[in-house]
């Protein structure tokens, strides 16, 4: 491996920038050629969704959450322009360096430690060590975003989705996931994506709302211990396809009510945290619009009986879902503001030069 190759691989991740300066957009850039549109996912929402799914569906629910995460991890790797072992322009050792460095980058907003141990691409196995990681650190779960996503990403790098992960809990803060090749596996869903279309529809435009950087500069949101916080609520940066895949797979199972109810329940708690300093309903609507825009959802406007999102983060699965998750979240916000049950049941989706979604009663 030449020093120049090592330098190029290292620069790909060392030049990674989490761009928080554009209102309506949270962007992760790798070097100069790769950028991804992200959303600041509330950790407590995912905690509640996993708790409710396992409570209602038992072992089937646990296996399903892992599967969703595995599909996301594999999909993220496949659309991120990272080389894997089938790319003959890189040696196995070079790909290992890239994989390990990428995990360090994930750790920056997802937890205290994420270390790949005993990494062996030839034997297709690795042991992930997690410490103080999102969701698990709060309720001992995290099957989607930890076990599943880690396994799916590894499967992409070894170009084989026949590898599965098995969790070993060490204590309340630490656990392992042993990933290895197996004959009994869950094949990932390979979602099609038009990179050119996705890039065009996700291009940054000027939006007259707050940026996430402004929330941080004002101290309304703070960054500490590798996480973003508003009060006691933690938010972690995640590429938007996670939420699309989550909803698409919940819908396939016929579990959309579970997704909606979890989002609705969480959102009422979220609203009490972000809006408790406002007494006027119009002020609450105005700040909610700015807050959700800053989280990366584009140009968001809350009204008394509807929510309109322009320049919403696009993924081709937008044509396959009805945005049940955000119907639940936005319904909870409006219900909190107006102190009555307001359920947004209808979605009107327009894909032209951007993705626009109108949520209505």
Protein backbone atom coordinates (compact mmCIF):
# COMPACT_ATOMS: atom_id res chain seq x y z
CA UNK A 1 0.00 0.00 0.00
CA UNK A 2 1.51 3.30 -1.06
CA UNK A 3 1.72 6.30 1.25
CA UNK A 4 -0.29 8.29 -1.28
CA UNK A 5 -3.15 5.76 -1.17
CA UNK A 6 -3.18 5.81 2.62
CA UNK A 7 -3.25 9.60 2.54
CA UNK A 8 -6.19 9.65 0.12
CA UNK A 9 -8.19 7.21 2.20
CA UNK A 10 -7.42 9.09 5.39
CA UNK A 11 -8.39 12.41 3.85
CA UNK A 12 -11.76 11.03 2.82
CA UNK A 13 -12.79 10.84 6.46
CA UNK A 14 -10.54 13.40 8.11
CA UNK A 15 -12.09 15.99 5.79
CA UNK A 16 -15.54 14.89 6.87
CA UNK A 17 -17.60 17.91 7.76
CA UNK A 18 -20.96 18.03 9.47
CA UNK A 19 -22.38 21.17 7.87
CA UNK A 20 -24.94 22.76 10.20
CA UNK A 21 -24.87 26.29 8.80
CA UNK A 22 -27.65 26.10 6.19
CA UNK A 23 -31.23 26.60 7.48
CA UNK A 24 -33.33 23.55 6.65
CA UNK A 25 -30.34 21.37 5.81
CA UNK A 26 -28.03 19.15 7.85
CA UNK A 27 -25.34 17.86 5.53
CA UNK A 28 -22.46 15.43 6.03
CA UNK A 29 -19.66 15.88 3.52
CA UNK A 30 -16.82 13.44 2.86
CA UNK A 31 -13.98 15.13 0.98
CA UNK A 32 -15.24 17.05 -2.05
CA UNK A 33 -17.31 14.47 -3.92
CA UNK A 34 -19.66 12.90 -1.36
CA UNK A 35 -22.40 14.60 0.61
CA UNK A 36 -25.39 13.17 2.46
CA UNK A 37 -28.53 14.83 3.75
CA UNK A 38 -29.16 14.08 7.40
CA UNK A 39 -31.83 14.50 10.04
CA UNK A 40 -31.26 15.02 13.75
CA UNK A 41 -33.12 11.99 15.09
CA UNK A 42 -34.47 12.28 18.66
CA UNK A 43 -32.98 9.38 20.63
CA UNK A 44 -36.06 9.10 22.87
CA UNK A 45 -38.28 8.52 19.84
CA UNK A 46 -36.23 5.53 18.74
CA UNK A 47 -36.12 4.29 22.35
CA UNK A 48 -39.91 4.42 22.57
CA UNK A 49 -40.44 2.86 19.14
CA UNK A 50 -38.18 -0.08 19.96
CA UNK A 51 -39.79 -0.52 23.39
CA UNK A 52 -43.31 -0.51 21.92
CA UNK A 53 -42.36 -2.81 19.05
CA UNK A 54 -40.83 -5.42 21.34
CA UNK A 55 -43.64 -5.07 23.89
CA UNK A 56 -46.31 -5.69 21.24
CA UNK A 57 -44.48 -8.08 18.91
CA UNK A 58 -42.01 -9.87 21.20
CA UNK A 59 -39.11 -11.71 19.58
CA UNK A 60 -40.56 -11.03 16.14
CA UNK A 61 -40.34 -7.33 16.88
CA UNK A 62 -36.74 -7.59 18.08
CA UNK A 63 -35.73 -9.52 14.97
CA UNK A 64 -37.57 -7.02 12.78
CA UNK A 65 -35.82 -3.98 14.33
CA UNK A 66 -32.46 -5.66 13.74
CA UNK A 67 -33.46 -6.36 10.13
CA UNK A 68 -34.46 -2.72 9.53
CA UNK A 69 -31.08 -1.58 10.85
CA UNK A 70 -29.24 -4.15 8.75
CA UNK A 71 -31.02 -2.94 5.60
CA UNK A 72 -30.12 0.65 6.46
CA UNK A 73 -26.45 -0.11 7.16
CA UNK A 74 -26.07 -1.99 3.88
CA UNK A 75 -27.95 0.68 1.92
CA UNK A 76 -25.92 3.51 3.44
CA UNK A 77 -22.67 1.81 2.48
CA UNK A 78 -23.87 1.07 -1.05
CA UNK A 79 -24.87 4.68 -1.83
CA UNK A 80 -21.93 6.39 -0.09
CA UNK A 81 -19.37 5.74 -2.84
CA UNK A 82 -17.10 3.92 -0.40
CA UNK A 83 -15.00 1.11 -1.90
CA UNK A 84 -15.57 -2.40 -0.56
CA UNK A 85 -13.62 -5.63 -1.11
CA UNK A 86 -14.97 -6.12 -4.64
CA UNK A 87 -13.25 -2.87 -5.65
CA UNK A 88 -9.93 -4.04 -7.09
CA UNK A 89 -8.41 -0.56 -6.91
CA UNK A 90 -7.91 -1.00 -3.16
CA UNK A 91 -6.27 -3.72 -1.12
CA UNK A 92 -8.04 -5.47 1.73
CA UNK A 93 -5.86 -3.63 4.21
CA UNK A 94 -6.82 -0.28 2.72
CA UNK A 95 -10.52 -1.10 2.97
CA UNK A 96 -10.01 -2.11 6.61
CA UNK A 97 -8.50 1.29 7.35
CA UNK A 98 -11.43 3.04 5.72
CA UNK A 99 -13.96 0.90 7.59
CA UNK A 100 -12.32 1.49 10.97
CA UNK A 101 -11.98 5.23 10.41
CA UNK A 102 -15.58 5.47 9.34
CA UNK A 103 -16.70 3.87 12.60
CA UNK A 104 -14.71 6.50 14.50
CA UNK A 105 -16.64 9.16 12.64
CA UNK A 106 -19.99 7.58 13.58
CA UNK A 107 -18.94 7.53 17.21
CA UNK A 108 -18.66 11.33 17.21
CA UNK A 109 -22.42 11.80 17.52
CA UNK A 110 -23.66 8.32 18.46
CA UNK A 111 -21.77 7.31 21.57
CA UNK A 112 -18.56 7.07 23.57
CA UNK A 113 -16.92 4.09 21.88
CA UNK A 114 -17.43 1.98 18.74
CA UNK A 115 -14.43 -0.25 18.11
CA UNK A 116 -14.11 -3.07 15.56
CA UNK A 117 -12.10 -5.92 17.08
CA UNK A 118 -10.71 -9.04 15.35
CA UNK A 119 -11.58 -7.55 11.98
CA UNK A 120 -11.10 -10.20 9.27
CA UNK A 121 -12.49 -9.56 5.80
CA UNK A 122 -11.33 -12.93 4.44
CA UNK A 123 -13.19 -14.87 7.11
CA UNK A 124 -15.96 -12.26 7.06
CA UNK A 125 -16.11 -11.62 10.76
CA UNK A 126 -15.72 -8.77 13.22
CA UNK A 127 -16.55 -8.03 16.85
CA UNK A 128 -18.03 -4.60 17.53
CA UNK A 129 -17.48 -3.09 20.96
CA UNK A 130 -20.09 -0.47 21.93
CA UNK A 131 -19.87 1.79 24.98
CA UNK A 132 -22.47 4.36 26.08
CA UNK A 133 -24.14 4.12 22.68
CA UNK A 134 -27.44 5.64 21.59
CA UNK A 135 -30.64 3.87 22.68
CA UNK A 136 -28.81 1.01 24.46
CA UNK A 137 -27.49 3.42 27.09
CA UNK A 138 -31.09 4.40 27.97
CA UNK A 139 -33.09 1.17 27.79
CA UNK A 140 -30.76 -1.67 26.84
CA UNK A 141 -32.19 -1.94 23.32
CA UNK A 142 -30.88 -0.30 20.12
CA UNK A 143 -31.30 -3.35 17.91
CA UNK A 144 -31.93 -1.25 14.83
CA UNK A 145 -29.34 1.50 15.05
CA UNK A 146 -26.58 -0.49 16.80
CA UNK A 147 -26.64 -4.23 16.05
CA UNK A 148 -28.51 -4.06 12.75
CA UNK A 149 -26.86 -0.99 11.25
CA UNK A 150 -23.38 -2.16 12.24
CA UNK A 151 -23.94 -5.60 10.75
CA UNK A 152 -25.40 -4.16 7.53
CA UNK A 153 -22.47 -1.79 7.08
CA UNK A 154 -20.00 -4.65 7.58
CA UNK A 155 -21.95 -6.76 5.08
CA UNK A 156 -21.54 -4.00 2.52
CA UNK A 157 -17.79 -3.76 3.07
CA UNK A 158 -17.35 -7.54 2.67
CA UNK A 159 -19.92 -7.58 -0.18
CA UNK A 160 -21.97 -10.34 1.46
CA UNK A 161 -25.29 -9.96 3.29
CA UNK A 162 -25.03 -13.51 4.68
CA UNK A 163 -23.23 -12.20 7.76
CA UNK A 164 -25.26 -11.77 10.94
CA UNK A 165 -24.62 -10.21 14.33
CA UNK A 166 -25.15 -11.69 17.79
CA UNK A 167 -25.24 -9.41 20.84
CA UNK A 168 -23.38 -10.12 24.07
CA UNK A 169 -24.23 -7.67 26.88
CA UNK A 170 -21.29 -6.93 29.18
CA UNK A 171 -22.94 -4.42 31.54
CA UNK A 172 -25.39 -1.50 31.46
CA UNK A 173 -22.97 0.61 29.43
CA UNK A 174 -21.14 -1.87 27.20
CA UNK A 175 -21.97 -4.67 24.81
CA UNK A 176 -20.47 -6.64 21.95
CA UNK A 177 -21.91 -7.67 18.60
CA UNK A 178 -20.16 -10.65 17.03
CA UNK A 179 -20.67 -10.65 13.26
CA UNK A 180 -19.84 -13.69 11.15
CA UNK A 181 -20.89 -15.53 7.99
CA UNK A 182 -23.80 -17.92 8.47
CA UNK A 183 -26.11 -20.15 6.45
CA UNK A 184 -29.10 -18.80 8.37
CA UNK A 185 -29.36 -15.16 7.47
CA UNK A 186 -31.75 -12.31 6.70
CA UNK A 187 -31.16 -11.09 3.13
CA UNK A 188 -31.20 -7.30 2.98
CA UNK A 189 -33.68 -5.34 0.91
CA UNK A 190 -31.69 -3.58 -1.80
CA UNK A 191 -33.51 -0.31 -2.44
CA UNK A 192 -32.98 1.26 -5.83
CA UNK A 193 -31.81 4.85 -5.96
CA UNK A 194 -31.10 7.31 -8.75
CA UNK A 195 -28.07 9.20 -7.47
CA UNK A 196 -28.49 12.05 -9.96
CA UNK A 197 -32.17 12.60 -9.13
CA UNK A 198 -31.52 12.37 -5.40
CA UNK A 199 -28.67 14.88 -5.59
CA UNK A 200 -30.78 17.38 -7.56
CA UNK A 201 -33.79 17.14 -5.25
CA UNK A 202 -31.58 17.47 -2.15
CA UNK A 203 -29.58 20.46 -3.34
CA UNK A 204 -29.14 23.23 -0.79
CA UNK A 205 -31.36 26.26 -1.29
CA UNK A 206 -31.84 29.40 0.76
CA UNK A 207 -34.51 28.92 3.45
CA UNK A 208 -35.66 31.72 5.75
CA UNK A 209 -35.54 29.67 8.94
CA UNK A 210 -33.08 28.90 11.73
CA UNK A 211 -30.08 26.65 11.09
CA UNK A 212 -28.87 24.06 13.56
CA UNK A 213 -25.74 26.15 14.02
CA UNK A 214 -27.92 29.03 15.21
CA UNK A 215 -29.59 26.75 17.77
CA UNK A 216 -26.14 25.78 19.01
CA UNK A 217 -24.82 29.35 19.03
CA UNK A 218 -27.84 30.46 21.07
CA UNK A 219 -27.26 27.61 23.56
CA UNK A 220 -30.81 26.37 22.98
CA UNK A 221 -29.12 23.17 21.81
CA UNK A 222 -25.74 22.09 23.20
CA UNK A 223 -23.16 19.51 22.13
CA UNK A 224 -21.66 17.40 24.91
CA UNK A 225 -20.38 13.84 25.38
CA UNK A 226 -20.59 13.16 21.63
CA UNK A 227 -24.28 14.09 21.45
CA UNK A 228 -26.58 17.05 20.79
CA UNK A 229 -29.02 18.00 23.57
CA UNK A 230 -32.05 20.20 24.10
CA UNK A 231 -32.65 19.95 27.82
CA UNK A 232 -32.54 16.23 28.59
CA UNK A 233 -33.50 15.24 25.04
CA UNK A 234 -30.67 13.87 22.89
CA UNK A 235 -30.55 14.14 19.09
CA UNK A 236 -28.18 12.19 16.87
CA UNK A 237 -27.29 12.97 13.28
CA UNK A 238 -28.32 10.23 10.84
CA UNK A 239 -28.54 9.94 7.07
CA UNK A 240 -32.18 10.41 6.07
CA UNK A 241 -32.62 6.98 4.43
CA UNK A 242 -32.82 5.44 7.91
CA UNK A 243 -36.24 7.01 8.51
CA UNK A 244 -37.46 6.15 5.02
CA UNK A 245 -36.40 2.52 5.40
CA UNK A 246 -37.86 2.38 8.90
CA UNK A 247 -41.29 3.48 7.70
CA UNK A 248 -41.21 1.44 4.49
CA UNK A 249 -40.49 -1.76 6.42
CA UNK A 250 -43.04 -1.02 9.18
CA UNK A 251 -45.67 -0.49 6.49
CA UNK A 252 -44.74 -3.78 4.80
CA UNK A 253 -45.34 -5.58 8.10
CA UNK A 254 -48.70 -3.86 8.55
CA UNK A 255 -47.39 -2.12 11.66
CA UNK A 256 -47.90 1.50 10.58
CA UNK A 257 -50.22 2.17 13.56
CA UNK A 258 -47.40 1.17 15.89
CA UNK A 259 -45.10 3.64 14.18
CA UNK A 260 -47.68 6.44 14.22
CA UNK A 261 -48.67 5.97 17.85
CA UNK A 262 -45.05 5.88 19.01
CA UNK A 263 -44.28 9.08 17.10
CA UNK A 264 -47.41 10.79 18.45
CA UNK A 265 -46.69 9.83 22.04
CA UNK A 266 -43.07 10.91 21.86
CA UNK A 267 -43.90 14.19 20.14
CA UNK A 268 -46.06 15.43 23.01
CA UNK A 269 -43.09 15.06 25.34
CA UNK A 270 -40.79 16.71 22.81
CA UNK A 271 -43.19 19.64 22.45
CA UNK A 272 -43.31 20.26 26.19
CA UNK A 273 -39.51 20.54 26.15
CA UNK A 274 -39.00 22.81 23.15
CA UNK A 275 -42.10 25.02 23.53
CA UNK A 276 -42.46 25.45 27.29
CA UNK A 277 -41.02 28.98 27.21
CA UNK A 278 -43.75 30.27 24.90
CA UNK A 279 -47.24 31.21 26.04
CA UNK A 280 -48.66 32.52 22.77
CA UNK A 281 -49.89 29.89 20.30
CA UNK A 282 -48.58 31.82 17.30
CA UNK A 283 -45.15 32.02 18.90
CA UNK A 284 -45.24 28.27 19.45
CA UNK A 285 -46.17 27.66 15.81
CA UNK A 286 -43.40 29.99 14.68
CA UNK A 287 -40.74 28.34 16.81
CA UNK A 288 -41.86 24.80 15.93
CA UNK A 289 -41.46 25.77 12.25
CA UNK A 290 -37.93 26.99 12.89
CA UNK A 291 -36.97 24.08 15.12
CA UNK A 292 -37.94 21.30 12.72
CA UNK A 293 -36.35 23.20 9.85
CA UNK A 294 -33.11 23.38 11.85
CA UNK A 295 -33.21 19.61 12.41
CA UNK A 296 -32.83 19.17 8.65
CA UNK A 297 -36.39 18.90 7.30
CA UNK A 298 -36.17 21.79 4.83
CA UNK A 299 -38.57 24.72 4.97
CA UNK A 300 -41.20 23.73 7.55
CA UNK A 301 -44.33 25.76 8.34
CA UNK A 302 -46.81 24.89 11.11
CA UNK A 303 -50.38 26.16 10.90
CA UNK A 304 -53.39 25.52 13.11
CA UNK A 305 -54.58 22.51 11.12
CA UNK A 306 -51.74 21.56 8.79
CA UNK A 307 -47.99 21.41 8.32
CA UNK A 308 -46.18 22.08 5.03
CA UNK A 309 -42.62 20.94 4.40
CA UNK A 310 -40.81 22.24 1.33
CA UNK A 311 -37.38 20.95 0.31
CA UNK A 312 -37.95 17.92 2.53
CA UNK A 313 -35.02 15.44 2.41
CA UNK A 314 -35.63 13.23 -0.61
CA UNK A 315 -35.16 9.50 -1.05
CA UNK A 316 -36.83 7.44 -3.81
CA UNK A 317 -38.89 5.65 -1.13
CA UNK A 318 -40.84 8.92 -0.87
CA UNK A 319 -42.97 7.46 -3.66
CA UNK A 320 -43.69 4.35 -1.56
CA UNK A 321 -44.69 5.76 1.85
CA UNK A 322 -47.20 8.27 3.26
CA UNK A 323 -44.87 9.72 5.93
CA UNK A 324 -46.72 8.12 8.83
CA UNK A 325 -43.81 8.84 11.17
CA UNK A 326 -43.95 12.58 10.60
CA UNK A 327 -47.75 12.61 10.64
CA UNK A 328 -47.42 11.30 14.18
CA UNK A 329 -44.73 13.77 15.22
CA UNK A 330 -46.46 16.81 13.73
CA UNK A 331 -49.85 15.73 15.13
CA UNK A 332 -48.30 15.64 18.58
CA UNK A 333 -46.86 19.13 18.22
CA UNK A 334 -50.19 20.64 17.12
CA UNK A 335 -52.06 18.75 19.82
CA UNK A 336 -49.72 20.18 22.44
CA UNK A 337 -49.97 23.74 21.12
CA UNK A 338 -53.78 23.81 20.88
CA UNK A 339 -54.41 21.54 23.89
CA UNK A 340 -56.70 19.22 21.97
CA UNK A 341 -56.30 16.11 19.85
CA UNK A 342 -55.29 17.15 16.34
CA UNK A 343 -54.55 14.21 14.06
CA UNK A 344 -53.05 14.84 10.65
CA UNK A 345 -54.47 12.04 8.52
CA UNK A 346 -53.81 13.18 4.96
CA UNK A 347 -50.55 13.69 3.12
CA UNK A 348 -50.19 15.39 -0.25
CA UNK A 349 -46.80 14.72 -1.84
CA UNK A 350 -45.32 16.72 -4.72
CA UNK A 351 -42.01 15.91 -6.39
CA UNK A 352 -40.97 18.60 -8.85
CA UNK A 353 -37.76 20.55 -8.33
CA UNK A 354 -37.99 19.55 -4.66
CA UNK A 355 -39.98 17.24 -2.40
CA UNK A 356 -42.91 19.08 -0.83
CA UNK A 357 -45.24 17.39 1.65
CA UNK A 358 -48.49 18.82 3.01
CA UNK A 359 -49.90 17.20 6.16
CA UNK A 360 -53.58 17.95 6.88
CA UNK A 361 -56.41 16.87 9.18
